C-alpha atoms as a PDB file:
ATOM      1  CA  MET A   1     -13.714  43.032  79.562  1.00  0.00           C
ATOM      2  CA  PRO A   2     -17.227  42.352  79.530  1.00  0.00           C
ATOM      3  CA  ALA A   3     -19.377  42.825  82.831  1.00  0.00           C
ATOM      4  CA  PRO A   4     -20.505  39.892  84.975  1.00  0.00           C
ATOM      5  CA  VAL A   5     -23.880  38.138  84.590  1.00  0.00           C
ATOM      6  CA  ALA A   6     -26.169  40.954  86.305  1.00  0.00           C
ATOM      7  CA  HIS A   7     -28.171  38.795  88.292  1.00  0.00           C
ATOM      8  CA  ARG A   8     -25.404  36.616  89.611  1.00  0.00           C
ATOM      9  CA  PRO A   9     -21.835  37.414  89.074  1.00  0.00           C
ATOM     10  CA  ALA A  10     -20.794  33.697  89.756  1.00  0.00           C
ATOM     11  CA  THR A  11     -17.534  31.641  90.270  1.00  0.00           C
ATOM     12  CA  PHE A  12     -18.342  27.780  90.257  1.00  0.00           C
ATOM     13  CA  ILE A  13     -15.758  25.219  89.392  1.00  0.00           C
ATOM     14  CA  ASP A  14     -13.250  27.999  89.043  1.00  0.00           C
ATOM     15  CA  VAL A  15     -15.531  29.754  86.322  1.00  0.00           C
ATOM     16  CA  GLU A  16     -16.655  32.967  86.479  1.00  0.00           C
ATOM     17  CA  PHE A  17     -20.071  33.261  84.150  1.00  0.00           C
ATOM     18  CA  ARG A  18     -20.250  36.695  81.988  1.00  0.00           C
ATOM     19  CA  ALA A  19     -23.254  37.561  79.781  1.00  0.00           C
ATOM     20  CA  VAL A  20     -21.755  39.092  76.658  1.00  0.00           C
ATOM     21  CA  PRO A  21     -22.977  40.151  73.218  1.00  0.00           C
ATOM     22  CA  TYR A  22     -23.104  37.561  70.700  1.00  0.00           C
ATOM     23  CA  ASP A  23     -20.891  39.247  68.736  1.00  0.00           C
ATOM     24  CA  HIS A  24     -18.487  40.136  71.333  1.00  0.00           C
ATOM     25  CA  PRO A  25     -14.736  39.121  70.038  1.00  0.00           C
ATOM     26  CA  ASP A  26     -14.281  36.477  72.881  1.00  0.00           C
ATOM     27  CA  ALA A  27     -17.789  34.930  71.746  1.00  0.00           C
ATOM     28  CA  GLU A  28     -16.680  35.245  68.063  1.00  0.00           C
ATOM     29  CA  ALA A  29     -13.526  33.263  68.602  1.00  0.00           C
ATOM     30  CA  LEU A  30     -15.450  30.316  70.858  1.00  0.00           C
ATOM     31  CA  ILE A  31     -18.042  30.202  68.143  1.00  0.00           C
ATOM     32  CA  GLU A  32     -15.301  29.871  65.428  1.00  0.00           C
ATOM     33  CA  ASP A  33     -13.386  27.270  67.306  1.00  0.00           C
ATOM     34  CA  LEU A  34     -16.835  25.132  68.020  1.00  0.00           C
ATOM     35  CA  GLN A  35     -17.863  25.717  64.002  1.00  0.00           C
ATOM     36  CA  GLN A  36     -13.925  24.096  63.436  1.00  0.00           C
ATOM     37  CA  GLU A  37     -15.243  21.178  65.900  1.00  0.00           C
ATOM     38  CA  TYR A  38     -17.948  20.649  63.382  1.00  0.00           C
ATOM     39  CA  VAL A  39     -16.263  20.620  60.219  1.00  0.00           C
ATOM     40  CA  HIS A  40     -13.902  18.152  62.274  1.00  0.00           C
ATOM     41  CA  ARG A  41     -16.918  15.844  63.492  1.00  0.00           C
ATOM     42  CA  TYR A  42     -19.532  16.536  60.820  1.00  0.00           C
ATOM     43  CA  GLY A  43     -17.495  17.410  57.662  1.00  0.00           C
ATOM     44  CA  GLY A  44     -19.208  21.306  57.573  1.00  0.00           C
ATOM     45  CA  ARG A  45     -19.853  24.158  59.667  1.00  0.00           C
ATOM     46  CA  ASP A  46     -23.087  24.530  61.104  1.00  0.00           C
ATOM     47  CA  THR A  47     -25.428  26.685  58.885  1.00  0.00           C
ATOM     48  CA  THR A  48     -28.557  27.085  61.318  1.00  0.00           C
ATOM     49  CA  PRO A  49     -29.486  30.584  60.828  1.00  0.00           C
ATOM     50  CA  VAL A  50     -28.526  32.530  63.966  1.00  0.00           C
ATOM     51  CA  ASP A  51     -29.217  36.527  64.522  1.00  0.00           C
ATOM     52  CA  PRO A  52     -27.021  38.253  67.389  1.00  0.00           C
ATOM     53  CA  ALA A  53     -29.894  39.855  68.429  1.00  0.00           C
ATOM     54  CA  GLU A  54     -31.620  36.733  69.540  1.00  0.00           C
ATOM     55  CA  PHE A  55     -29.552  36.306  72.230  1.00  0.00           C
ATOM     56  CA  ALA A  56     -30.004  39.771  73.675  1.00  0.00           C
ATOM     57  CA  PRO A  57     -32.014  40.224  76.868  1.00  0.00           C
ATOM     58  CA  PRO A  58     -35.124  39.820  77.483  1.00  0.00           C
ATOM     59  CA  GLY A  59     -35.325  37.114  74.463  1.00  0.00           C
ATOM     60  CA  GLY A  60     -31.577  35.420  75.085  1.00  0.00           C
ATOM     61  CA  ILE A  61     -28.673  35.417  76.533  1.00  0.00           C
ATOM     62  CA  PHE A  62     -25.205  34.354  75.350  1.00  0.00           C
ATOM     63  CA  VAL A  63     -22.738  33.370  78.203  1.00  0.00           C
ATOM     64  CA  ILE A  64     -18.580  33.023  78.452  1.00  0.00           C
ATOM     65  CA  GLY A  65     -17.184  31.165  81.307  1.00  0.00           C
ATOM     66  CA  TYR A  66     -13.532  33.014  82.091  1.00  0.00           C
ATOM     67  CA  ASP A  67     -10.747  31.196  84.413  1.00  0.00           C
ATOM     68  CA  ASP A  68      -8.910  32.951  87.169  1.00  0.00           C
ATOM     69  CA  ASP A  69      -6.571  34.534  84.489  1.00  0.00           C
ATOM     70  CA  GLY A  70      -9.588  35.949  82.810  1.00  0.00           C
ATOM     71  CA  LYS A  71      -9.058  33.642  79.352  1.00  0.00           C
ATOM     72  CA  PRO A  72     -12.280  32.326  78.037  1.00  0.00           C
ATOM     73  CA  LEU A  73     -13.190  28.495  78.740  1.00  0.00           C
ATOM     74  CA  GLY A  74     -16.435  28.192  76.896  1.00  0.00           C
ATOM     75  CA  CYS A  75     -19.548  29.615  76.038  1.00  0.00           C
ATOM     76  CA  GLY A  76     -23.408  28.995  75.178  1.00  0.00           C
ATOM     77  CA  GLY A  77     -26.323  30.928  74.871  1.00  0.00           C
ATOM     78  CA  TRP A  78     -30.208  30.438  74.538  1.00  0.00           C
ATOM     79  CA  ARG A  79     -33.215  32.083  72.402  1.00  0.00           C
ATOM     80  CA  THR A  80     -36.556  32.102  72.770  1.00  0.00           C
ATOM     81  CA  HIS A  81     -38.442  31.562  69.596  1.00  0.00           C
ATOM     82  CA  ASP A  82     -41.595  33.420  68.208  1.00  0.00           C
ATOM     83  CA  GLY A  83     -43.813  30.450  67.870  1.00  0.00           C
ATOM     84  CA  SER A  84     -43.498  30.029  64.139  1.00  0.00           C
ATOM     85  CA  ASP A  85     -42.056  26.520  64.733  1.00  0.00           C
ATOM     86  CA  PRO A  86     -44.653  23.782  65.230  1.00  0.00           C
ATOM     87  CA  ASP A  87     -42.712  21.610  67.027  1.00  0.00           C
ATOM     88  CA  LEU A  88     -41.710  24.006  69.927  1.00  0.00           C
ATOM     89  CA  LEU A  89     -44.198  24.908  72.625  1.00  0.00           C
ATOM     90  CA  PRO A  90     -44.679  28.156  74.186  1.00  0.00           C
ATOM     91  CA  GLY A  91     -42.253  29.059  76.658  1.00  0.00           C
ATOM     92  CA  ASP A  92     -39.644  26.924  75.148  1.00  0.00           C
ATOM     93  CA  VAL A  93     -35.798  28.252  74.833  1.00  0.00           C
ATOM     94  CA  GLU A  94     -33.573  26.981  72.586  1.00  0.00           C
ATOM     95  CA  LEU A  95     -29.868  26.169  73.862  1.00  0.00           C
ATOM     96  CA  LYS A  96     -27.357  26.964  71.042  1.00  0.00           C
ATOM     97  CA  ARG A  97     -23.567  27.174  70.609  1.00  0.00           C
ATOM     98  CA  MET A  98     -22.436  25.568  73.833  1.00  0.00           C
ATOM     99  CA  TYR A  99     -19.082  25.043  73.595  1.00  0.00           C
ATOM    100  CA  VAL A 100     -16.083  24.168  76.081  1.00  0.00           C
ATOM    101  CA  ALA A 101     -12.403  24.862  74.856  1.00  0.00           C
ATOM    102  CA  PRO A 102     -10.123  21.554  74.885  1.00  0.00           C
ATOM    103  CA  ARG A 103      -7.989  22.767  77.576  1.00  0.00           C
ATOM    104  CA  ALA A 104     -10.851  23.001  79.961  1.00  0.00           C
ATOM    105  CA  ARG A 105     -12.717  19.817  78.827  1.00  0.00           C
ATOM    106  CA  GLY A 106     -13.065  17.148  81.612  1.00  0.00           C
ATOM    107  CA  GLN A 107     -12.985  19.520  84.580  1.00  0.00           C
ATOM    108  CA  GLY A 108     -17.008  20.025  85.181  1.00  0.00           C
ATOM    109  CA  HIS A 109     -16.864  23.059  82.949  1.00  0.00           C
ATOM    110  CA  SER A 110     -19.850  22.195  80.618  1.00  0.00           C
ATOM    111  CA  ARG A 111     -22.125  21.132  83.178  1.00  0.00           C
ATOM    112  CA  ALA A 112     -21.503  24.322  85.059  1.00  0.00           C
ATOM    113  CA  LEU A 113     -22.109  26.267  81.879  1.00  0.00           C
ATOM    114  CA  LEU A 114     -25.077  24.097  81.251  1.00  0.00           C
ATOM    115  CA  ALA A 115     -26.518  24.629  84.721  1.00  0.00           C
ATOM    116  CA  GLU A 116     -25.827  28.194  84.341  1.00  0.00           C
ATOM    117  CA  LEU A 117     -27.886  28.448  81.102  1.00  0.00           C
ATOM    118  CA  GLU A 118     -30.809  26.558  82.550  1.00  0.00           C
ATOM    119  CA  ARG A 119     -30.969  28.744  85.725  1.00  0.00           C
ATOM    120  CA  THR A 120     -30.692  31.871  83.553  1.00  0.00           C
ATOM    121  CA  ALA A 121     -33.698  30.547  81.541  1.00  0.00           C
ATOM    122  CA  ALA A 122     -35.864  29.737  84.679  1.00  0.00           C
ATOM    123  CA  VAL A 123     -35.072  33.400  86.215  1.00  0.00           C
ATOM    124  CA  ALA A 124     -36.328  34.606  82.866  1.00  0.00           C
ATOM    125  CA  GLY A 125     -39.359  32.551  83.001  1.00  0.00           C
ATOM    126  CA  LEU A 126     -39.495  30.263  80.500  1.00  0.00           C
ATOM    127  CA  CYS A 127     -40.563  26.431  80.894  1.00  0.00           C
ATOM    128  CA  ARG A 128     -38.545  24.110  78.943  1.00  0.00           C
ATOM    129  CA  MET A 129     -35.204  24.049  77.285  1.00  0.00           C
ATOM    130  CA  VAL A 130     -34.747  22.238  74.011  1.00  0.00           C
ATOM    131  CA  LEU A 131     -31.468  21.351  71.773  1.00  0.00           C
ATOM    132  CA  HIS A 132     -30.167  19.820  69.120  1.00  0.00           C
ATOM    133  CA  THR A 133     -26.839  18.057  69.041  1.00  0.00           C
ATOM    134  CA  GLY A 134     -25.549  15.077  66.619  1.00  0.00           C
ATOM    135  CA  THR A 135     -24.356  11.415  66.919  1.00  0.00           C
ATOM    136  CA  GLN A 136     -20.644  12.786  66.619  1.00  0.00           C
ATOM    137  CA  GLN A 137     -20.737  14.614  69.804  1.00  0.00           C
ATOM    138  CA  PRO A 138     -21.124  11.569  72.479  1.00  0.00           C
ATOM    139  CA  GLU A 139     -19.748  13.828  75.283  1.00  0.00           C
ATOM    140  CA  ALA A 140     -22.474  16.015  74.421  1.00  0.00           C
ATOM    141  CA  LEU A 141     -25.238  13.130  74.220  1.00  0.00           C
ATOM    142  CA  ALA A 142     -23.716  11.864  77.541  1.00  0.00           C
ATOM    143  CA  LEU A 143     -23.755  15.249  79.478  1.00  0.00           C
ATOM    144  CA  TYR A 144     -27.374  16.157  78.388  1.00  0.00           C
ATOM    145  CA  ALA A 145     -28.551  12.435  79.430  1.00  0.00           C
ATOM    146  CA  SER A 146     -26.832  12.688  82.775  1.00  0.00           C
ATOM    147  CA  SER A 147     -28.526  15.984  83.312  1.00  0.00           C
ATOM    148  CA  GLY A 148     -32.250  15.254  82.701  1.00  0.00           C
ATOM    149  CA  TYR A 149     -32.891  15.428  79.380  1.00  0.00           C
ATOM    150  CA  THR A 150     -35.049  13.506  77.344  1.00  0.00           C
ATOM    151  CA  PRO A 151     -35.469  12.821  73.457  1.00  0.00           C
ATOM    152  CA  ILE A 152     -37.978  14.748  71.593  1.00  0.00           C
ATOM    153  CA  PRO A 153     -39.031  15.075  67.755  1.00  0.00           C
ATOM    154  CA  GLY A 154     -36.430  17.054  65.647  1.00  0.00           C
ATOM    155  CA  PHE A 155     -37.258  20.699  64.801  1.00  0.00           C
ATOM    156  CA  GLY A 156     -35.829  23.673  63.382  1.00  0.00           C
ATOM    157  CA  HIS A 157     -33.044  23.578  60.734  1.00  0.00           C
ATOM    158  CA  TYR A 158     -31.736  20.185  61.048  1.00  0.00           C
ATOM    159  CA  ARG A 159     -35.060  18.593  62.068  1.00  0.00           C
ATOM    160  CA  ASP A 160     -34.712  15.832  59.501  1.00  0.00           C
ATOM    161  CA  ALA A 161     -31.069  15.316  59.651  1.00  0.00           C
ATOM    162  CA  PRO A 162     -30.306  11.811  60.295  1.00  0.00           C
ATOM    163  CA  ASP A 163     -27.561  12.260  62.613  1.00  0.00           C
ATOM    164  CA  GLY A 164     -29.282  15.038  64.932  1.00  0.00           C
ATOM    165  CA  ARG A 165     -30.678  14.084  68.192  1.00  0.00           C
ATOM    166  CA  TYR A 166     -32.894  16.566  69.771  1.00  0.00           C
ATOM    167  CA  PHE A 167     -33.695  16.620  73.888  1.00  0.00           C
ATOM    168  CA  SER A 168     -35.770  18.741  76.337  1.00  0.00           C
ATOM    169  CA  LYS A 169     -35.609  19.520  79.931  1.00  0.00           C
ATOM    170  CA  PRO A 170     -38.295  21.469  82.109  1.00  0.00           C
ATOM    171  CA  LEU A 171     -36.745  24.077  83.800  1.00  0.00           C
ATOM    172  CA  ARG A 172     -37.357  23.571  87.741  1.00  0.00           C
ATOM    173  CA  GLN A 173     -38.482  26.160  90.613  1.00  0.00           C
ATOM    174  CA  ASP A 174     -34.970  24.981  92.184  1.00  0.00           C
ATOM    175  CA  LEU A 175     -33.051  26.582  89.514  1.00  0.00           C
ATOM    176  CA  LEU A 176     -34.213  29.823  90.646  1.00  0.00           C
ATOM    177  CA  SER A 177     -32.018  29.950  93.641  1.00  0.00           C
END
């Protein structure tokens, strides 16, 4: 079983967050479930290039939320960029692969996971969280809007996708506590 996140083994809304490698078996299973969600909603998998090493500290993190029985409820991570994307700023961190299993939806787990990812990025000294989602994910759009994210121009692999939506949020000092 993976170790809890080193800087705060948290339990929040009956979820324990643990930092794991991107290619950990629980992460791979959740990411595959997420890919199937994309197939259902968009007709295909997300083909954004992803290197598991991008989600290893200090340039990234991948987190899984586990329930009291040790079963994975959801996942997400962030990765920094090397400055090669002209639409991203120094100190930007990209949210990727955020997913909550259907059995755990509607219970606040997405909001708790997002808060944990924002907190870990702020602790790492990063300035702004950026993300891409799509029009076929109204739950995600509502979560990000209600969490203080604002629209930005497209970036990355899907920058010109007509159904893509892009958002950012400054990482605040109050996330460090």
